[in-house]
Amino acid sequence: MTEYERSRTMSAPSEHIFDQAAHVDRLEAWLPEALHVNAGNLPAVTVHEDRTGEDISALFRARRDQMRLEWGTREQGSYTGWLQVAGIGSGASEVTVHLSFFDDSHDPGEEAVRDALDSSLERLEEQVRLRVDHAAG
């Protein structure tokens, strides 16, 4: 098993970040660009991965009471992940995303995963900023 984790501090309340991240119809706005999520009957989703061209049956759960998202493959059990949002005071939050690969064939490698996680957190921060700016304007 290989695990990866990245964190980012964002200048927004945890509730705003969680609401943006957890909206299943907006996942593609912040997920790695090579992943496309089609919501089924939640928690069931289908994830299309451009890298492999595969459609993968997965689960996606949003736990608002914990400010946590959880996801993973269903039949294959090849990977799981979570995103945790924690308020750190003064209107800022720490967002941590974690991936666990149980099947090496699904692990694209440390550099690719690190870059994808950093990019995803950056894209999520931008989506939150746009939402907050739009609400204020």
N, C-alpha and C. Protein backbone atom coordinates (compact mmCIF):
# COMPACT_ATOMS: atom_id res chain seq x y z
N MET A 1 0.85 -1.18 0.00
CA MET A 1 0.00 0.00 0.00
C MET A 1 0.89 1.24 0.00
N THR A 2 0.49 2.20 -0.81
CA THR A 2 1.21 3.48 -0.89
C THR A 2 0.24 4.59 -0.51
N GLU A 3 0.72 5.52 0.33
CA GLU A 3 -0.13 6.60 0.78
C GLU A 3 0.50 7.96 0.47
N TYR A 4 -0.37 8.92 0.16
CA TYR A 4 0.07 10.28 -0.14
C TYR A 4 -0.84 11.25 0.62
N GLU A 5 -0.28 12.37 1.04
CA GLU A 5 -1.08 13.36 1.74
C GLU A 5 -0.50 14.75 1.49
N ARG A 6 -1.38 15.70 1.25
CA ARG A 6 -0.98 17.10 1.05
C ARG A 6 -1.99 17.98 1.79
N SER A 7 -1.53 19.13 2.25
CA SER A 7 -2.39 20.08 2.96
C SER A 7 -2.18 21.48 2.41
N ARG A 8 -3.19 22.31 2.64
CA ARG A 8 -3.12 23.71 2.20
C ARG A 8 -3.98 24.54 3.13
N THR A 9 -3.48 25.68 3.51
CA THR A 9 -4.25 26.64 4.30
C THR A 9 -5.01 27.54 3.34
N MET A 10 -6.30 27.73 3.63
CA MET A 10 -7.15 28.56 2.78
C MET A 10 -7.80 29.64 3.63
N SER A 11 -7.94 30.81 3.06
CA SER A 11 -8.53 31.95 3.76
C SER A 11 -10.04 31.96 3.59
N ALA A 12 -10.69 30.99 4.22
CA ALA A 12 -12.14 30.89 4.17
C ALA A 12 -12.60 30.01 5.33
N PRO A 13 -13.81 30.23 5.80
CA PRO A 13 -14.35 29.37 6.85
C PRO A 13 -14.49 27.92 6.36
N SER A 14 -14.33 26.99 7.26
CA SER A 14 -14.37 25.57 6.89
C SER A 14 -15.69 25.18 6.23
N GLU A 15 -16.80 25.76 6.64
CA GLU A 15 -18.10 25.44 6.06
C GLU A 15 -18.15 25.81 4.58
N HIS A 16 -17.58 26.96 4.21
CA HIS A 16 -17.58 27.37 2.80
C HIS A 16 -16.75 26.41 1.96
N ILE A 17 -15.60 26.04 2.48
CA ILE A 17 -14.72 25.12 1.75
C ILE A 17 -15.39 23.77 1.60
N PHE A 18 -15.93 23.25 2.69
CA PHE A 18 -16.58 21.94 2.63
C PHE A 18 -17.74 21.95 1.65
N ASP A 19 -18.59 22.99 1.71
CA ASP A 19 -19.74 23.05 0.80
C ASP A 19 -19.30 23.05 -0.66
N GLN A 20 -18.23 23.74 -0.98
CA GLN A 20 -17.74 23.76 -2.35
C GLN A 20 -17.18 22.39 -2.74
N ALA A 21 -16.39 21.80 -1.86
CA ALA A 21 -15.75 20.51 -2.17
C ALA A 21 -16.75 19.37 -2.25
N ALA A 22 -17.79 19.41 -1.42
CA ALA A 22 -18.71 18.28 -1.30
C ALA A 22 -19.80 18.24 -2.37
N HIS A 23 -19.99 19.31 -3.11
CA HIS A 23 -21.05 19.35 -4.11
C HIS A 23 -20.68 18.44 -5.27
N VAL A 24 -21.35 17.31 -5.37
CA VAL A 24 -20.96 16.28 -6.34
C VAL A 24 -20.99 16.78 -7.78
N ASP A 25 -21.86 17.71 -8.09
CA ASP A 25 -21.93 18.24 -9.46
C ASP A 25 -20.80 19.22 -9.76
N ARG A 26 -20.03 19.61 -8.75
CA ARG A 26 -18.92 20.54 -8.95
C ARG A 26 -17.56 19.91 -8.67
N LEU A 27 -17.51 18.60 -8.51
CA LEU A 27 -16.24 17.94 -8.19
C LEU A 27 -15.17 18.19 -9.26
N GLU A 28 -15.58 18.20 -10.51
CA GLU A 28 -14.60 18.37 -11.59
C GLU A 28 -13.96 19.75 -11.59
N ALA A 29 -14.53 20.70 -10.85
CA ALA A 29 -13.93 22.03 -10.77
C ALA A 29 -12.65 22.01 -9.95
N TRP A 30 -12.47 20.99 -9.11
CA TRP A 30 -11.26 20.95 -8.29
C TRP A 30 -10.51 19.62 -8.33
N LEU A 31 -11.15 18.54 -8.72
CA LEU A 31 -10.44 17.26 -8.82
C LEU A 31 -9.37 17.33 -9.91
N PRO A 32 -8.43 16.37 -9.90
CA PRO A 32 -7.46 16.33 -11.00
C PRO A 32 -8.20 16.34 -12.34
N GLU A 33 -7.66 17.07 -13.29
CA GLU A 33 -8.34 17.27 -14.57
C GLU A 33 -8.56 15.98 -15.34
N ALA A 34 -7.84 14.91 -15.02
CA ALA A 34 -7.98 13.65 -15.73
C ALA A 34 -9.10 12.78 -15.18
N LEU A 35 -9.80 13.25 -14.14
CA LEU A 35 -10.89 12.49 -13.53
C LEU A 35 -12.22 13.18 -13.77
N HIS A 36 -13.22 12.38 -14.11
CA HIS A 36 -14.55 12.89 -14.39
C HIS A 36 -15.55 12.04 -13.62
N VAL A 37 -16.34 12.67 -12.76
CA VAL A 37 -17.26 11.96 -11.88
C VAL A 37 -18.69 12.10 -12.38
N ASN A 38 -19.37 10.97 -12.49
CA ASN A 38 -20.78 10.95 -12.82
C ASN A 38 -21.52 10.37 -11.62
N ALA A 39 -22.36 11.20 -11.01
CA ALA A 39 -23.10 10.75 -9.84
C ALA A 39 -24.19 9.78 -10.26
N GLY A 40 -24.28 8.71 -9.55
CA GLY A 40 -25.36 7.75 -9.76
C GLY A 40 -26.35 7.95 -8.63
N ASN A 41 -26.67 6.88 -7.96
CA ASN A 41 -27.51 6.92 -6.78
C ASN A 41 -26.57 6.98 -5.58
N LEU A 42 -26.25 8.21 -5.14
CA LEU A 42 -25.25 8.39 -4.08
C LEU A 42 -25.52 7.45 -2.91
N PRO A 43 -24.47 6.85 -2.42
CA PRO A 43 -23.07 7.23 -2.57
C PRO A 43 -22.38 6.65 -3.80
N ALA A 44 -23.10 5.94 -4.67
CA ALA A 44 -22.49 5.35 -5.86
C ALA A 44 -22.19 6.42 -6.90
N VAL A 45 -20.98 6.37 -7.46
CA VAL A 45 -20.58 7.24 -8.56
C VAL A 45 -19.76 6.41 -9.54
N THR A 46 -19.59 6.94 -10.73
CA THR A 46 -18.69 6.35 -11.72
C THR A 46 -17.62 7.39 -12.01
N VAL A 47 -16.38 6.95 -11.99
CA VAL A 47 -15.25 7.84 -12.25
C VAL A 47 -14.60 7.41 -13.56
N HIS A 48 -14.49 8.35 -14.49
CA HIS A 48 -13.77 8.09 -15.74
C HIS A 48 -12.37 8.67 -15.58
N GLU A 49 -11.38 7.84 -15.84
CA GLU A 49 -9.99 8.26 -15.72
C GLU A 49 -9.39 8.36 -17.11
N ASP A 50 -9.02 9.58 -17.52
CA ASP A 50 -8.46 9.80 -18.85
C ASP A 50 -7.17 9.01 -19.07
N ARG A 51 -6.35 8.88 -18.02
CA ARG A 51 -5.05 8.20 -18.13
C ARG A 51 -5.20 6.76 -18.61
N THR A 52 -6.24 6.07 -18.11
CA THR A 52 -6.44 4.67 -18.48
C THR A 52 -7.60 4.47 -19.45
N GLY A 53 -8.47 5.49 -19.56
CA GLY A 53 -9.65 5.37 -20.40
C GLY A 53 -10.74 4.53 -19.76
N GLU A 54 -10.58 4.19 -18.49
CA GLU A 54 -11.52 3.32 -17.79
C GLU A 54 -12.61 4.09 -17.06
N ASP A 55 -13.76 3.45 -16.96
CA ASP A 55 -14.83 3.90 -16.08
C ASP A 55 -14.80 2.98 -14.87
N ILE A 56 -14.71 3.56 -13.68
CA ILE A 56 -14.55 2.79 -12.46
C ILE A 56 -15.72 3.07 -11.53
N SER A 57 -16.31 2.01 -11.00
CA SER A 57 -17.37 2.15 -10.00
C SER A 57 -16.74 2.57 -8.69
N ALA A 58 -17.29 3.62 -8.10
CA ALA A 58 -16.72 4.14 -6.86
C ALA A 58 -17.83 4.60 -5.93
N LEU A 59 -17.41 4.97 -4.74
CA LEU A 59 -18.31 5.53 -3.72
C LEU A 59 -17.82 6.92 -3.34
N PHE A 60 -18.76 7.80 -3.02
CA PHE A 60 -18.43 9.15 -2.58
C PHE A 60 -19.38 9.51 -1.45
N ARG A 61 -18.80 9.85 -0.31
CA ARG A 61 -19.61 10.22 0.85
C ARG A 61 -19.15 11.58 1.39
N ALA A 62 -20.11 12.42 1.69
CA ALA A 62 -19.83 13.71 2.32
C ALA A 62 -20.39 13.65 3.74
N ARG A 63 -19.52 13.86 4.70
CA ARG A 63 -19.91 13.83 6.12
C ARG A 63 -19.76 15.24 6.69
N ARG A 64 -20.84 16.03 6.52
CA ARG A 64 -20.78 17.44 6.92
C ARG A 64 -20.50 17.60 8.40
N ASP A 65 -21.05 16.74 9.24
CA ASP A 65 -20.84 16.86 10.68
C ASP A 65 -19.37 16.69 11.06
N GLN A 66 -18.59 16.07 10.17
CA GLN A 66 -17.15 15.88 10.39
C GLN A 66 -16.30 16.73 9.46
N MET A 67 -16.95 17.47 8.54
CA MET A 67 -16.24 18.26 7.52
C MET A 67 -15.28 17.36 6.74
N ARG A 68 -15.79 16.21 6.33
CA ARG A 68 -14.94 15.19 5.71
C ARG A 68 -15.64 14.59 4.49
N LEU A 69 -14.86 14.42 3.42
CA LEU A 69 -15.29 13.67 2.24
C LEU A 69 -14.51 12.37 2.22
N GLU A 70 -15.17 11.31 1.78
CA GLU A 70 -14.50 10.01 1.65
C GLU A 70 -14.90 9.40 0.32
N TRP A 71 -13.95 8.74 -0.33
CA TRP A 71 -14.23 8.11 -1.62
C TRP A 71 -13.34 6.89 -1.80
N GLY A 72 -13.70 6.08 -2.76
CA GLY A 72 -12.89 4.92 -3.08
C GLY A 72 -13.57 4.03 -4.11
N THR A 73 -12.80 3.12 -4.65
CA THR A 73 -13.34 2.19 -5.64
C THR A 73 -14.22 1.17 -4.93
N ARG A 74 -15.19 0.65 -5.67
CA ARG A 74 -16.13 -0.31 -5.08
C ARG A 74 -15.65 -1.74 -5.28
N GLU A 75 -15.72 -2.25 -6.49
CA GLU A 75 -15.41 -3.66 -6.72
C GLU A 75 -13.92 -3.98 -6.58
N GLN A 76 -13.07 -3.13 -7.13
CA GLN A 76 -11.65 -3.42 -7.16
C GLN A 76 -10.96 -3.21 -5.82
N GLY A 77 -11.40 -2.24 -5.03
CA GLY A 77 -10.73 -1.93 -3.78
C GLY A 77 -9.31 -1.45 -4.00
N SER A 78 -9.05 -0.78 -5.13
CA SER A 78 -7.68 -0.40 -5.48
C SER A 78 -7.22 0.90 -4.83
N TYR A 79 -8.15 1.79 -4.48
CA TYR A 79 -7.72 3.01 -3.79
C TYR A 79 -8.87 3.60 -2.97
N THR A 80 -8.48 4.40 -1.98
CA THR A 80 -9.42 5.19 -1.20
C THR A 80 -8.81 6.56 -0.97
N GLY A 81 -9.64 7.48 -0.58
CA GLY A 81 -9.14 8.80 -0.28
C GLY A 81 -10.09 9.55 0.63
N TRP A 82 -9.59 10.62 1.19
CA TRP A 82 -10.43 11.49 2.00
C TRP A 82 -9.91 12.91 1.93
N LEU A 83 -10.81 13.84 2.21
CA LEU A 83 -10.48 15.25 2.31
C LEU A 83 -11.08 15.73 3.62
N GLN A 84 -10.27 16.41 4.42
CA GLN A 84 -10.69 16.90 5.72
C GLN A 84 -10.49 18.40 5.77
N VAL A 85 -11.51 19.12 6.22
CA VAL A 85 -11.44 20.56 6.37
C VAL A 85 -11.50 20.88 7.87
N ALA A 86 -10.57 21.69 8.35
CA ALA A 86 -10.53 22.05 9.76
C ALA A 86 -10.32 23.56 9.89
N GLY A 87 -11.20 24.21 10.63
CA GLY A 87 -11.03 25.63 10.90
C GLY A 87 -9.83 25.84 11.81
N ILE A 88 -9.03 26.86 11.50
CA ILE A 88 -7.84 27.14 12.32
C ILE A 88 -7.88 28.54 12.90
N GLY A 89 -9.05 29.18 12.84
CA GLY A 89 -9.22 30.51 13.43
C GLY A 89 -9.03 31.63 12.44
N SER A 90 -9.54 32.80 12.81
CA SER A 90 -9.44 34.01 11.99
C SER A 90 -9.98 33.82 10.58
N GLY A 91 -11.00 32.99 10.43
CA GLY A 91 -11.61 32.78 9.12
C GLY A 91 -10.80 31.94 8.16
N ALA A 92 -9.76 31.26 8.65
CA ALA A 92 -8.92 30.41 7.80
C ALA A 92 -9.16 28.93 8.14
N SER A 93 -8.81 28.08 7.21
CA SER A 93 -8.99 26.64 7.38
C SER A 93 -7.81 25.89 6.79
N GLU A 94 -7.59 24.71 7.32
CA GLU A 94 -6.58 23.79 6.80
C GLU A 94 -7.33 22.68 6.07
N VAL A 95 -6.96 22.44 4.82
CA VAL A 95 -7.58 21.39 4.03
C VAL A 95 -6.52 20.34 3.74
N THR A 96 -6.82 19.10 4.10
CA THR A 96 -5.90 18.00 3.90
C THR A 96 -6.57 16.96 3.01
N VAL A 97 -5.84 16.49 2.02
CA VAL A 97 -6.34 15.42 1.16
C VAL A 97 -5.36 14.26 1.25
N HIS A 98 -5.91 13.05 1.32
CA HIS A 98 -5.11 11.85 1.54
C HIS A 98 -5.57 10.77 0.56
N LEU A 99 -4.62 10.08 -0.06
CA LEU A 99 -4.92 8.96 -0.96
C LEU A 99 -4.16 7.73 -0.51
N SER A 100 -4.82 6.58 -0.59
CA SER A 100 -4.19 5.29 -0.32
C SER A 100 -4.41 4.40 -1.53
N PHE A 101 -3.33 3.88 -2.08
CA PHE A 101 -3.41 2.96 -3.22
C PHE A 101 -3.08 1.56 -2.74
N PHE A 102 -4.02 0.63 -2.90
CA PHE A 102 -3.84 -0.75 -2.49
C PHE A 102 -3.36 -1.62 -3.64
N ASP A 103 -3.47 -1.09 -4.85
CA ASP A 103 -3.08 -1.80 -6.07
C ASP A 103 -2.07 -0.92 -6.79
N ASP A 104 -0.83 -1.39 -6.90
CA ASP A 104 0.23 -0.59 -7.51
C ASP A 104 -0.08 -0.18 -8.95
N SER A 105 -0.90 -0.95 -9.64
CA SER A 105 -1.21 -0.59 -11.03
C SER A 105 -2.05 0.68 -11.12
N HIS A 106 -2.71 1.08 -10.03
CA HIS A 106 -3.50 2.30 -10.03
C HIS A 106 -2.72 3.50 -9.51
N ASP A 107 -1.53 3.27 -8.97
CA ASP A 107 -0.70 4.34 -8.42
C ASP A 107 0.13 4.95 -9.55
N PRO A 108 -0.14 6.21 -9.91
CA PRO A 108 0.62 6.83 -11.00
C PRO A 108 2.02 7.29 -10.59
N GLY A 109 2.38 7.13 -9.34
CA GLY A 109 3.71 7.51 -8.88
C GLY A 109 3.70 8.77 -8.04
N GLU A 110 4.74 8.88 -7.20
CA GLU A 110 4.79 9.97 -6.21
C GLU A 110 4.71 11.36 -6.83
N GLU A 111 5.51 11.62 -7.84
CA GLU A 111 5.53 12.96 -8.43
C GLU A 111 4.18 13.32 -9.04
N ALA A 112 3.59 12.38 -9.78
CA ALA A 112 2.30 12.65 -10.42
C ALA A 112 1.19 12.86 -9.38
N VAL A 113 1.20 12.06 -8.32
CA VAL A 113 0.17 12.21 -7.29
C VAL A 113 0.37 13.52 -6.53
N ARG A 114 1.60 13.81 -6.16
CA ARG A 114 1.89 15.07 -5.44
C ARG A 114 1.44 16.27 -6.27
N ASP A 115 1.78 16.28 -7.55
CA ASP A 115 1.38 17.39 -8.43
C ASP A 115 -0.14 17.47 -8.56
N ALA A 116 -0.80 16.32 -8.68
CA ALA A 116 -2.26 16.30 -8.81
C ALA A 116 -2.94 16.79 -7.53
N LEU A 117 -2.43 16.37 -6.37
CA LEU A 117 -3.02 16.82 -5.11
C LEU A 117 -2.81 18.32 -4.90
N ASP A 118 -1.61 18.80 -5.17
CA ASP A 118 -1.34 20.23 -5.03
C ASP A 118 -2.22 21.04 -5.98
N SER A 119 -2.34 20.58 -7.21
CA SER A 119 -3.18 21.27 -8.19
C SER A 119 -4.65 21.25 -7.76
N SER A 120 -5.10 20.12 -7.24
CA SER A 120 -6.49 20.02 -6.80
C SER A 120 -6.78 20.98 -5.65
N LEU A 121 -5.87 21.04 -4.69
CA LEU A 121 -6.06 21.96 -3.57
C LEU A 121 -6.04 23.41 -4.05
N GLU A 122 -5.17 23.71 -5.00
CA GLU A 122 -5.12 25.06 -5.56
C GLU A 122 -6.42 25.39 -6.29
N ARG A 123 -6.92 24.45 -7.07
CA ARG A 123 -8.17 24.66 -7.80
C ARG A 123 -9.36 24.80 -6.85
N LEU A 124 -9.37 24.01 -5.77
CA LEU A 124 -10.43 24.13 -4.77
C LEU A 124 -10.38 25.51 -4.12
N GLU A 125 -9.18 25.95 -3.77
CA GLU A 125 -9.04 27.28 -3.17
C GLU A 125 -9.57 28.37 -4.11
N GLU A 126 -9.30 28.25 -5.39
CA GLU A 126 -9.79 29.22 -6.36
C GLU A 126 -11.31 29.18 -6.46
N GLN A 127 -11.89 27.99 -6.45
CA GLN A 127 -13.35 27.87 -6.50
C GLN A 127 -13.99 28.50 -5.26
N VAL A 128 -13.39 28.28 -4.10
CA VAL A 128 -13.90 28.87 -2.87
C VAL A 128 -13.78 30.40 -2.94
N ARG A 129 -12.64 30.89 -3.41
CA ARG A 129 -12.44 32.33 -3.52
C ARG A 129 -13.48 32.96 -4.45
N LEU A 130 -13.73 32.32 -5.59
CA LEU A 130 -14.72 32.83 -6.53
C LEU A 130 -16.11 32.86 -5.90
N ARG A 131 -16.44 31.83 -5.15
CA ARG A 131 -17.75 31.75 -4.50
C ARG A 131 -17.90 32.84 -3.45
N VAL A 132 -16.86 33.02 -2.63
CA VAL A 132 -16.90 34.04 -1.58
C VAL A 132 -16.96 35.44 -2.20
N ASP A 133 -16.14 35.67 -3.23
CA ASP A 133 -16.15 36.98 -3.92
C ASP A 133 -17.50 37.25 -4.56
N HIS A 134 -18.10 36.23 -5.17
CA HIS A 134 -19.40 36.37 -5.82
C HIS A 134 -20.49 36.67 -4.79
N ALA A 135 -20.45 36.01 -3.66
CA ALA A 135 -21.43 36.23 -2.60
C ALA A 135 -21.30 37.63 -2.00
N ALA A 136 -20.06 38.12 -1.94
CA ALA A 136 -19.82 39.45 -1.36
C ALA A 136 -20.17 40.56 -2.35
N GLY A 137 -20.08 40.23 -3.65
CA GLY A 137 -20.26 41.26 -4.68
C GLY A 137 -21.65 41.38 -5.09
